[in-house]
N, C-alpha and C. Protein backbone atom coordinates (compact mmCIF):
# COMPACT_ATOMS: atom_id res chain seq x y z
N MET A 1 -23.39 29.11 8.73
CA MET A 1 -23.55 28.41 9.66
C MET A 1 -23.20 28.55 11.20
N ASN A 2 -24.08 28.07 12.18
CA ASN A 2 -24.16 29.04 13.43
C ASN A 2 -22.98 28.36 14.47
N ARG A 3 -22.70 28.82 15.46
CA ARG A 3 -21.82 28.06 16.51
C ARG A 3 -22.08 26.43 16.93
N ARG A 4 -23.25 26.46 16.95
CA ARG A 4 -23.83 24.92 17.36
C ARG A 4 -23.13 23.73 16.46
N GLN A 5 -23.57 24.49 15.13
CA GLN A 5 -23.34 23.46 13.98
C GLN A 5 -21.88 23.41 13.84
N PHE A 6 -21.25 24.28 13.99
CA PHE A 6 -19.62 24.50 13.72
C PHE A 6 -18.89 23.51 14.57
N THR A 7 -19.59 23.69 15.92
CA THR A 7 -18.87 22.83 17.09
C THR A 7 -19.08 21.32 16.74
N TRP A 8 -20.54 20.92 16.40
CA TRP A 8 -20.82 19.55 15.88
C TRP A 8 -20.05 18.84 14.86
N ARG A 9 -20.00 19.75 13.80
CA ARG A 9 -19.11 19.53 12.68
C ARG A 9 -17.77 19.02 12.98
N GLY A 10 -17.24 19.89 13.71
CA GLY A 10 -15.77 19.65 14.22
C GLY A 10 -15.71 18.35 14.92
N LEU A 11 -16.60 18.15 16.03
CA LEU A 11 -16.47 17.10 17.12
C LEU A 11 -16.83 15.87 16.03
N LEU A 12 -17.42 15.84 14.85
CA LEU A 12 -17.44 14.79 14.31
C LEU A 12 -16.31 14.49 13.66
N THR A 13 -15.67 15.55 12.79
CA THR A 13 -14.55 15.34 11.94
C THR A 13 -13.55 14.52 12.87
N VAL A 14 -13.11 15.22 13.99
CA VAL A 14 -12.09 14.70 15.21
C VAL A 14 -12.41 13.20 15.45
N LEU A 15 -13.80 13.05 15.88
CA LEU A 15 -14.02 11.66 15.97
C LEU A 15 -13.80 10.52 14.90
N THR A 16 -14.33 11.03 13.85
CA THR A 16 -13.95 10.30 12.73
C THR A 16 -12.61 9.81 12.55
N LEU A 17 -11.83 10.69 12.33
CA LEU A 17 -10.44 11.12 11.91
C LEU A 17 -9.88 10.05 13.22
N GLY A 18 -10.23 10.29 14.61
CA GLY A 18 -9.54 9.55 15.52
C GLY A 18 -9.78 8.17 15.36
N LEU A 19 -11.04 7.51 15.03
CA LEU A 19 -11.56 6.44 14.95
C LEU A 19 -10.80 5.62 14.00
N ALA A 20 -10.74 6.09 12.75
CA ALA A 20 -9.88 5.78 11.69
C ALA A 20 -8.75 5.43 12.03
N GLY A 21 -8.26 6.49 12.39
CA GLY A 21 -6.68 6.49 13.03
C GLY A 21 -6.32 5.15 14.03
N SER A 22 -7.00 5.28 14.85
CA SER A 22 -6.54 3.96 15.72
C SER A 22 -7.22 2.82 15.53
N ALA A 23 -7.81 2.42 14.38
CA ALA A 23 -8.26 1.18 13.86
C ALA A 23 -6.88 0.83 12.81
N PHE A 24 -6.27 1.67 11.98
CA PHE A 24 -5.27 1.47 11.36
C PHE A 24 -3.85 1.22 12.22
N LYS A 25 -3.88 1.92 13.17
CA LYS A 25 -2.56 2.10 13.95
C LYS A 25 -2.64 0.63 14.39
N CYS A 26 -3.36 -0.15 14.62
CA CYS A 26 -3.07 -1.51 15.16
C CYS A 26 -2.35 -2.29 14.31
N ASP A 27 -2.65 -2.15 12.99
CA ASP A 27 -1.75 -3.28 12.13
C ASP A 27 -0.71 -2.43 11.56
N SER A 28 -0.17 -1.04 11.93
CA SER A 28 1.26 -0.51 11.26
C SER A 28 2.23 -1.60 11.54
N ASP A 29 2.36 -2.23 12.32
CA ASP A 29 3.74 -2.99 12.61
C ASP A 29 3.67 -4.06 11.72
N LYS A 30 2.38 -4.77 11.16
CA LYS A 30 2.16 -5.62 10.31
C LYS A 30 2.53 -5.19 8.70
N VAL A 31 2.02 -3.62 8.76
CA VAL A 31 2.63 -3.27 7.30
C VAL A 31 4.11 -2.49 7.22
N SER A 32 4.69 -2.41 8.22
CA SER A 32 5.84 -2.11 8.47
C SER A 32 6.79 -3.57 8.01
N ILE A 33 6.37 -4.38 8.52
CA ILE A 33 7.13 -5.54 8.19
C ILE A 33 6.90 -5.89 6.36
N TYR A 34 5.99 -5.69 5.93
CA TYR A 34 5.89 -5.89 4.61
C TYR A 34 6.79 -4.69 3.63
N VAL A 35 6.45 -3.56 4.35
CA VAL A 35 7.74 -2.61 3.55
C VAL A 35 8.72 -3.01 3.58
N LEU A 36 9.20 -3.63 4.62
CA LEU A 36 10.56 -4.05 5.12
C LEU A 36 11.09 -4.83 3.87
N THR A 37 10.19 -5.82 3.78
CA THR A 37 10.24 -7.10 2.83
C THR A 37 10.49 -6.38 1.12
N ILE A 38 9.56 -5.42 1.18
CA ILE A 38 9.43 -4.76 -0.42
C ILE A 38 11.09 -4.00 -0.63
N THR A 39 11.14 -3.26 0.78
CA THR A 39 12.62 -2.37 0.34
C THR A 39 13.85 -3.31 0.15
N ASN A 40 13.66 -4.71 1.09
CA ASN A 40 14.81 -5.49 0.98
C ASN A 40 15.04 -5.96 -0.33
N PHE A 41 14.13 -6.71 -1.04
CA PHE A 41 14.12 -7.24 -2.24
C PHE A 41 14.30 -6.45 -3.23
N LEU A 42 13.88 -5.01 -3.22
CA LEU A 42 14.13 -3.96 -4.09
C LEU A 42 15.79 -3.43 -3.97
N LYS A 43 16.57 -3.84 -3.16
CA LYS A 43 17.90 -3.11 -2.58
C LYS A 43 18.57 -4.60 -3.27
N GLN A 44 18.00 -5.67 -3.22
CA GLN A 44 18.61 -6.90 -3.61
C GLN A 44 18.90 -6.79 -5.80
N ILE A 45 17.79 -6.43 -5.89
CA ILE A 45 17.44 -6.27 -7.31
C ILE A 45 18.47 -5.33 -7.68
N SER A 46 18.53 -4.14 -7.04
CA SER A 46 19.22 -2.79 -7.18
C SER A 46 20.92 -3.27 -7.36
N SER A 47 21.35 -4.17 -6.40
CA SER A 47 22.64 -4.84 -6.22
C SER A 47 23.02 -5.72 -7.66
N LEU A 48 21.88 -6.40 -7.92
CA LEU A 48 21.75 -7.39 -9.19
C LEU A 48 21.76 -6.47 -10.74
N MET A 49 21.51 -5.15 -10.35
CA MET A 49 21.37 -4.64 -11.74
C MET A 49 21.49 -3.12 -11.44
N PRO A 50 22.71 -2.71 -11.29
CA PRO A 50 23.15 -1.49 -11.02
C PRO A 50 22.52 -0.59 -11.94
N GLN A 51 22.25 -0.64 -12.95
CA GLN A 51 21.57 0.40 -13.96
C GLN A 51 20.56 0.69 -13.76
N TRP A 52 19.62 -0.09 -12.75
CA TRP A 52 18.41 0.70 -12.37
C TRP A 52 18.43 1.55 -10.88
N ALA A 53 19.71 1.52 -10.27
CA ALA A 53 19.98 1.80 -9.09
C ALA A 53 18.90 3.30 -8.69
N ALA A 54 19.19 3.96 -9.47
CA ALA A 54 18.43 5.27 -9.80
C ALA A 54 16.83 5.24 -9.39
N SER A 55 16.32 4.39 -10.46
CA SER A 55 14.95 4.28 -10.36
C SER A 55 14.52 3.65 -9.02
N ILE A 56 15.12 2.53 -8.56
CA ILE A 56 14.88 1.90 -7.10
C ILE A 56 15.19 2.65 -6.06
N THR A 57 16.03 3.53 -6.11
CA THR A 57 16.14 4.40 -4.96
C THR A 57 14.89 5.22 -4.78
N LYS A 58 14.64 5.82 -5.89
CA LYS A 58 13.23 6.48 -5.79
C LYS A 58 12.02 5.54 -5.32
N ILE A 59 11.84 4.53 -5.71
CA ILE A 59 10.69 3.41 -5.26
C ILE A 59 11.19 3.23 -3.53
N LEU A 60 12.34 3.06 -3.41
CA LEU A 60 12.65 2.89 -1.58
C LEU A 60 12.20 4.15 -0.81
N ALA A 61 12.32 5.55 -1.51
CA ALA A 61 11.98 6.49 -0.75
C ALA A 61 10.65 6.67 -0.35
N VAL A 62 9.82 6.36 -1.66
CA VAL A 62 8.01 6.21 -1.61
C VAL A 62 7.81 5.06 -0.58
N ALA A 63 8.37 4.13 -0.68
CA ALA A 63 8.07 2.92 0.33
C ALA A 63 8.25 3.25 1.81
N THR A 64 9.20 4.11 2.05
CA THR A 64 9.94 4.31 3.44
C THR A 64 8.92 5.44 3.66
N ASP A 65 8.30 6.39 2.89
CA ASP A 65 7.49 7.60 3.15
C ASP A 65 6.10 7.06 3.24
N PHE A 66 5.71 5.99 3.02
CA PHE A 66 4.44 5.65 2.98
C PHE A 66 4.41 4.86 4.31
N ASP A 67 5.51 4.03 4.70
CA ASP A 67 5.40 3.45 5.75
C ASP A 67 5.21 4.21 7.19
N ALA A 68 6.35 5.65 7.25
CA ALA A 68 6.36 6.68 8.18
C ALA A 68 4.67 7.37 7.93
N ALA A 69 4.11 7.63 6.86
CA ALA A 69 2.88 8.37 6.97
C ALA A 69 1.72 7.19 7.78
N TYR A 70 1.90 5.86 7.05
CA TYR A 70 0.89 5.00 8.04
C TYR A 70 1.14 5.11 9.44
N LYS A 71 2.25 5.24 9.94
CA LYS A 71 2.54 4.81 11.36
C LYS A 71 2.15 6.17 12.07
N ARG A 72 2.35 7.54 11.28
CA ARG A 72 1.74 8.27 12.08
C ARG A 72 0.23 8.71 11.87
N GLY A 73 -0.32 7.91 11.25
CA GLY A 73 -1.93 8.01 11.12
C GLY A 73 -2.18 9.12 9.79
N ASP A 74 -1.02 9.25 9.11
CA ASP A 74 -1.59 10.27 8.15
C ASP A 74 -2.15 9.31 6.71
N PHE A 75 -3.65 8.96 6.85
CA PHE A 75 -3.88 8.15 5.79
C PHE A 75 -4.19 8.60 4.88
N SER A 76 -4.38 10.00 4.38
CA SER A 76 -4.50 10.69 3.26
C SER A 76 -3.08 10.68 2.48
N ASN A 77 -2.09 11.02 2.96
CA ASN A 77 -1.18 10.87 2.21
C ASN A 77 -0.44 9.54 2.08
N ALA A 78 -0.91 8.38 3.40
CA ALA A 78 -0.56 7.20 3.12
C ALA A 78 -0.86 6.59 1.95
N ASP A 79 -2.43 6.80 1.74
CA ASP A 79 -3.08 6.19 0.30
C ASP A 79 -2.33 6.63 -1.02
N ASN A 80 -2.05 8.01 -1.03
CA ASN A 80 -1.45 8.54 -2.23
C ASN A 80 -0.17 7.93 -2.34
N LEU A 81 0.81 7.65 -1.08
CA LEU A 81 1.90 7.21 -1.51
C LEU A 81 2.10 5.60 -1.86
N PHE A 82 1.04 4.88 -1.20
CA PHE A 82 0.87 3.47 -1.83
C PHE A 82 0.27 3.35 -3.20
N ASN A 83 -0.71 4.31 -3.55
CA ASN A 83 -0.97 4.30 -5.07
C ASN A 83 0.17 4.44 -5.99
N THR A 84 1.22 5.57 -5.36
CA THR A 84 2.54 5.90 -6.01
C THR A 84 3.47 4.68 -6.17
N LEU A 85 3.64 4.04 -4.74
CA LEU A 85 4.25 2.89 -4.65
C LEU A 85 3.80 1.78 -5.64
N ASP A 86 2.65 1.28 -5.72
CA ASP A 86 2.36 0.58 -6.66
C ASP A 86 2.55 0.86 -8.25
N GLU A 87 2.14 2.06 -8.63
CA GLU A 87 2.37 2.83 -9.91
C GLU A 87 4.10 2.37 -10.01
N ASN A 88 4.74 2.82 -9.32
CA ASN A 88 6.55 2.64 -9.83
C ASN A 88 6.77 1.61 -9.72
N ILE A 89 6.25 0.54 -8.99
CA ILE A 89 6.58 -0.96 -8.87
C ILE A 89 6.20 -1.70 -10.28
N THR A 90 4.87 -1.06 -10.74
CA THR A 90 4.49 -1.72 -11.82
C THR A 90 5.23 -1.28 -12.97
N THR A 91 5.70 0.26 -13.24
CA THR A 91 6.68 0.68 -14.33
C THR A 91 7.95 -0.11 -14.15
N LEU A 92 8.67 -0.04 -12.80
CA LEU A 92 9.84 -0.49 -12.91
C LEU A 92 9.94 -2.22 -13.62
N THR A 93 8.80 -3.18 -13.13
CA THR A 93 8.68 -4.19 -13.68
C THR A 93 8.67 -4.40 -15.08
N LYS A 94 7.73 -3.66 -15.86
CA LYS A 94 7.40 -3.54 -17.14
C LYS A 94 8.88 -3.02 -17.84
N ASP A 95 9.41 -1.90 -17.23
CA ASP A 95 10.89 -1.35 -17.99
C ASP A 95 11.76 -2.66 -17.89
N LEU A 96 11.89 -3.39 -16.98
CA LEU A 96 12.83 -4.29 -16.82
C LEU A 96 12.65 -5.47 -17.83
N GLY A 97 11.45 -5.65 -18.47
CA GLY A 97 11.11 -6.54 -19.36
C GLY A 97 11.35 -7.93 -19.01
N ILE A 98 11.23 -9.00 -19.88
CA ILE A 98 11.36 -10.17 -19.46
C ILE A 98 12.29 -11.22 -19.73
N ASN A 99 13.15 -10.48 -19.96
CA ASN A 99 14.78 -11.01 -20.33
C ASN A 99 15.46 -10.53 -18.93
N LEU A 100 15.11 -11.53 -17.88
CA LEU A 100 15.48 -11.41 -16.91
C LEU A 100 15.98 -12.79 -16.02
N SER A 101 17.08 -12.69 -15.20
CA SER A 101 17.35 -13.92 -14.50
C SER A 101 16.34 -14.52 -13.71
N ASP A 102 16.46 -15.83 -13.51
CA ASP A 102 15.12 -16.15 -12.47
C ASP A 102 15.32 -15.87 -11.12
N HIS A 103 16.68 -15.29 -10.55
CA HIS A 103 16.47 -14.72 -9.16
C HIS A 103 15.83 -13.41 -9.32
N VAL A 104 15.94 -12.67 -10.23
CA VAL A 104 15.49 -11.46 -10.14
C VAL A 104 13.84 -11.28 -10.59
N LYS A 105 13.25 -12.32 -11.48
CA LYS A 105 12.07 -12.52 -11.51
C LYS A 105 11.27 -13.15 -10.40
N MET A 106 11.91 -14.04 -9.55
CA MET A 106 11.40 -14.18 -8.32
C MET A 106 11.46 -13.17 -7.06
N LEU A 107 12.49 -12.29 -7.14
CA LEU A 107 12.26 -11.00 -6.49
C LEU A 107 11.02 -10.14 -6.88
N LEU A 108 11.01 -10.05 -7.96
CA LEU A 108 9.88 -9.13 -8.57
C LEU A 108 8.59 -9.68 -8.13
N ALA A 109 8.58 -11.16 -8.16
CA ALA A 109 7.18 -11.99 -8.10
C ALA A 109 6.69 -11.83 -6.17
N VAL A 110 7.98 -11.61 -5.50
CA VAL A 110 8.01 -11.31 -4.28
C VAL A 110 7.18 -10.32 -3.52
N ILE A 111 7.84 -9.35 -4.36
CA ILE A 111 7.54 -7.72 -4.43
C ILE A 111 6.25 -7.55 -4.82
N GLY A 112 5.69 -8.06 -6.01
CA GLY A 112 4.47 -8.08 -6.19
C GLY A 112 3.18 -8.25 -5.50
N ALA A 113 3.47 -9.76 -5.02
CA ALA A 113 2.63 -10.35 -3.94
C ALA A 113 2.95 -9.60 -2.49
N THR A 114 3.77 -8.94 -2.12
CA THR A 114 4.13 -8.51 -1.03
C THR A 114 3.19 -6.98 -0.99
N VAL A 115 3.56 -5.92 -2.24
CA VAL A 115 2.55 -5.06 -2.13
C VAL A 115 0.94 -5.48 -2.40
N GLN A 116 0.87 -6.61 -2.82
CA GLN A 116 -1.06 -7.04 -2.64
C GLN A 116 -1.06 -7.32 -1.44
N THR A 117 -0.27 -7.63 -0.79
CA THR A 117 -0.68 -8.06 0.71
C THR A 117 -0.87 -6.93 1.60
N VAL A 118 -0.42 -6.02 1.51
CA VAL A 118 -0.18 -4.47 1.93
C VAL A 118 -1.83 -4.17 1.42
N ALA A 119 -2.12 -4.22 0.27
CA ALA A 119 -3.58 -3.83 -0.17
C ALA A 119 -4.51 -4.82 0.59
N VAL A 120 -4.35 -5.43 0.65
CA VAL A 120 -5.11 -6.42 1.22
C VAL A 120 -5.28 -6.25 2.91
N LEU A 121 -4.23 -5.91 3.63
CA LEU A 121 -4.39 -5.18 4.94
C LEU A 121 -5.03 -4.06 4.81
N LEU A 122 -4.78 -3.29 4.28
CA LEU A 122 -5.47 -1.69 3.87
C LEU A 122 -7.12 -1.97 3.67
N HIS A 123 -7.53 -2.95 2.86
CA HIS A 123 -8.76 -3.09 2.69
C HIS A 123 -9.42 -3.33 3.69
N GLU A 124 -9.07 -4.93 4.50
CA GLU A 124 -9.44 -5.39 5.60
C GLU A 124 -9.69 -4.06 6.64
N GLN A 125 -8.98 -3.06 6.67
CA GLN A 125 -9.02 -2.18 7.88
C GLN A 125 -10.22 -1.12 7.18
N ILE A 126 -10.55 -1.15 6.23
CA ILE A 126 -11.29 -0.16 5.64
C ILE A 126 -12.79 -0.70 5.99
N ILE A 127 -12.80 -2.01 5.48
CA ILE A 127 -13.91 -2.88 5.77
C ILE A 127 -14.44 -2.84 7.23
N LYS A 128 -13.68 -3.10 8.13
CA LYS A 128 -13.76 -3.29 9.70
C LYS A 128 -14.59 -1.74 10.12
N GLN A 129 -14.34 -0.57 9.43
CA GLN A 129 -14.85 0.66 10.15
C GLN A 129 -16.51 0.85 9.76
N PRO A 130 -16.88 1.74 10.40
CA PRO A 130 -18.45 2.22 10.13
C PRO A 130 -18.42 2.82 8.66
N ALA A 131 -19.75 2.56 8.01
CA ALA A 131 -19.96 3.49 6.96
C ALA A 131 -19.44 4.60 6.81
N ALA A 132 -19.65 5.64 7.89
CA ALA A 132 -19.24 7.18 7.71
C ALA A 132 -17.88 6.67 7.63
N ILE A 133 -17.17 6.47 8.44
CA ILE A 133 -15.46 6.20 8.24
C ILE A 133 -15.24 5.87 7.22
N ARG A 134 -15.50 4.74 6.23
CA ARG A 134 -15.25 4.31 5.21
C ARG A 134 -15.29 5.36 4.12
N SER A 135 -16.73 6.04 4.11
CA SER A 135 -16.95 6.77 3.31
C SER A 135 -15.79 8.16 3.20
N ALA A 136 -15.49 8.44 4.65
CA ALA A 136 -14.47 9.68 4.53
C ALA A 136 -13.22 9.10 4.27
N ILE A 137 -12.65 7.76 4.38
CA ILE A 137 -11.47 7.50 3.94
C ILE A 137 -11.42 7.24 2.33
N ALA A 138 -12.46 6.67 1.92
CA ALA A 138 -12.38 6.60 0.26
C ALA A 138 -12.60 8.07 -0.05
N ALA A 139 -13.21 8.86 0.36
CA ALA A 139 -12.98 10.69 -0.27
C ALA A 139 -11.68 11.16 -0.11
N ARG A 140 -10.80 10.76 0.57
CA ARG A 140 -9.42 11.17 0.71
C ARG A 140 -8.81 10.82 -0.55
N SER A 141 -8.84 9.63 -0.74
CA SER A 141 -8.13 9.42 -2.01
C SER A 141 -8.79 8.36 -3.24
N PRO A 142 -9.45 8.86 -3.92
CA PRO A 142 -9.91 7.72 -4.58
C PRO A 142 -9.22 7.02 -5.51
N LYS A 143 -8.04 7.71 -6.12
CA LYS A 143 -7.29 6.94 -6.74
C LYS A 143 -6.32 5.82 -6.20
N SER A 144 -6.10 6.26 -4.93
CA SER A 144 -5.51 4.98 -4.27
C SER A 144 -6.30 3.98 -3.89
N ALA A 145 -7.70 4.32 -3.41
CA ALA A 145 -8.82 3.66 -3.14
C ALA A 145 -9.04 2.41 -3.98
N SER A 146 -9.12 2.82 -5.53
CA SER A 146 -9.07 2.04 -6.65
C SER A 146 -7.84 0.60 -6.77
N ALA A 147 -6.31 1.57 -6.45
CA ALA A 147 -5.56 0.56 -6.43
C ALA A 147 -5.85 -0.45 -5.17
N VAL A 148 -6.22 -0.08 -3.98
CA VAL A 148 -6.31 -0.99 -2.97
C VAL A 148 -7.30 -1.88 -3.67
N GLU A 149 -8.66 -1.69 -3.95
CA GLU A 149 -9.55 -2.62 -4.48
C GLU A 149 -9.01 -3.49 -5.32
N ARG A 150 -8.69 -3.23 -6.42
CA ARG A 150 -7.93 -3.65 -7.28
C ARG A 150 -6.90 -4.90 -6.76
N LEU A 151 -5.93 -4.78 -6.09
CA LEU A 151 -5.09 -5.54 -5.90
C LEU A 151 -5.51 -6.44 -4.59
N ALA A 152 -6.61 -5.83 -3.94
CA ALA A 152 -7.51 -6.69 -2.69
C ALA A 152 -8.66 -7.57 -3.31
N SER A 153 -8.86 -7.29 -4.56
CA SER A 153 -10.13 -8.30 -4.99
C SER A 153 -9.75 -9.57 -4.83
N GLN A 154 -10.89 -10.27 -4.83
CA GLN A 154 -11.14 -11.62 -4.52
C GLN A 154 -10.41 -12.40 -5.78
N ALA A 155 -10.73 -11.67 -6.87
CA ALA A 155 -10.39 -12.45 -8.00
C ALA A 155 -8.65 -12.13 -7.98
N ALA A 156 -8.06 -10.96 -7.90
CA ALA A 156 -6.72 -10.82 -7.73
C ALA A 156 -6.02 -11.68 -6.77
N VAL A 157 -6.61 -11.80 -5.39
CA VAL A 157 -6.00 -12.50 -4.45
C VAL A 157 -6.10 -14.05 -5.07
N ASP A 158 -7.06 -14.48 -5.48
CA ASP A 158 -7.17 -15.97 -5.83
C ASP A 158 -6.23 -16.18 -6.91
N ALA A 159 -6.04 -15.08 -8.11
CA ALA A 159 -5.28 -15.68 -9.15
C ALA A 159 -3.65 -15.36 -8.45
N THR A 160 -3.26 -14.65 -7.46
CA THR A 160 -1.94 -14.62 -6.97
C THR A 160 -1.73 -15.97 -6.34
N TYR A 161 -2.48 -16.76 -5.47
CA TYR A 161 -2.56 -17.72 -4.64
C TYR A 161 -2.37 -19.18 -5.75
N GLN A 162 -3.47 -18.87 -6.87
CA GLN A 162 -2.97 -20.14 -7.71
C GLN A 162 -1.44 -20.10 -8.27
N ALA A 163 -1.17 -18.81 -8.68
CA ALA A 163 0.35 -18.51 -9.21
C ALA A 163 1.20 -18.86 -8.40
N ALA A 164 0.79 -18.87 -7.00
CA ALA A 164 2.10 -19.32 -5.92
C ALA A 164 2.15 -20.47 -5.61
N LYS A 165 1.16 -21.49 -6.02
CA LYS A 165 1.31 -22.68 -5.50
C LYS A 165 1.95 -23.58 -5.88
N LEU A 166 2.74 -24.48 -5.25
CA LEU A 166 3.85 -25.37 -5.92
C LEU A 166 3.16 -26.32 -6.65
N LYS A 167 3.35 -26.46 -7.84
CA LYS A 167 2.72 -27.74 -8.49
C LYS A 167 3.98 -29.18 -8.55
N PRO A 168 2.88 -30.15 -8.28
CA PRO A 168 3.70 -31.31 -7.96
C PRO A 168 4.33 -31.80 -9.02
């Protein structure tokens, strides 16, 4: 690779990362609000079920790290942390089982819907990007991209909406 090619590739990389970062940055406050919702509801569950406090503390740390990485524009790390957050919350929900109070069940439902809302916001930001930037974002973390795609799919959003609708 000659000097000109090296400079051109470097410029394209910086431009791609800069454009992706600025697009994601504008919604970091929205994402932070949802992360705060997730952490507050997890704290409520922890106070109601102290035997799960250690597991919940780990999830809280991941949520906080995800929010910080997103705010910094470190989207590769944020993608990985989002995937970890989704996996940890799913595991916690399965481990807690079905014999829960209605209060805890509703807290878990809100947490699940909030995680899905974050996935929808991430997905919307990715769609807004030009094809080259979308490819760069997807290449960073295909595992978390699949979590975002799964949670933000039209079928998943419609199912959540139908489940949340109040029945007369």
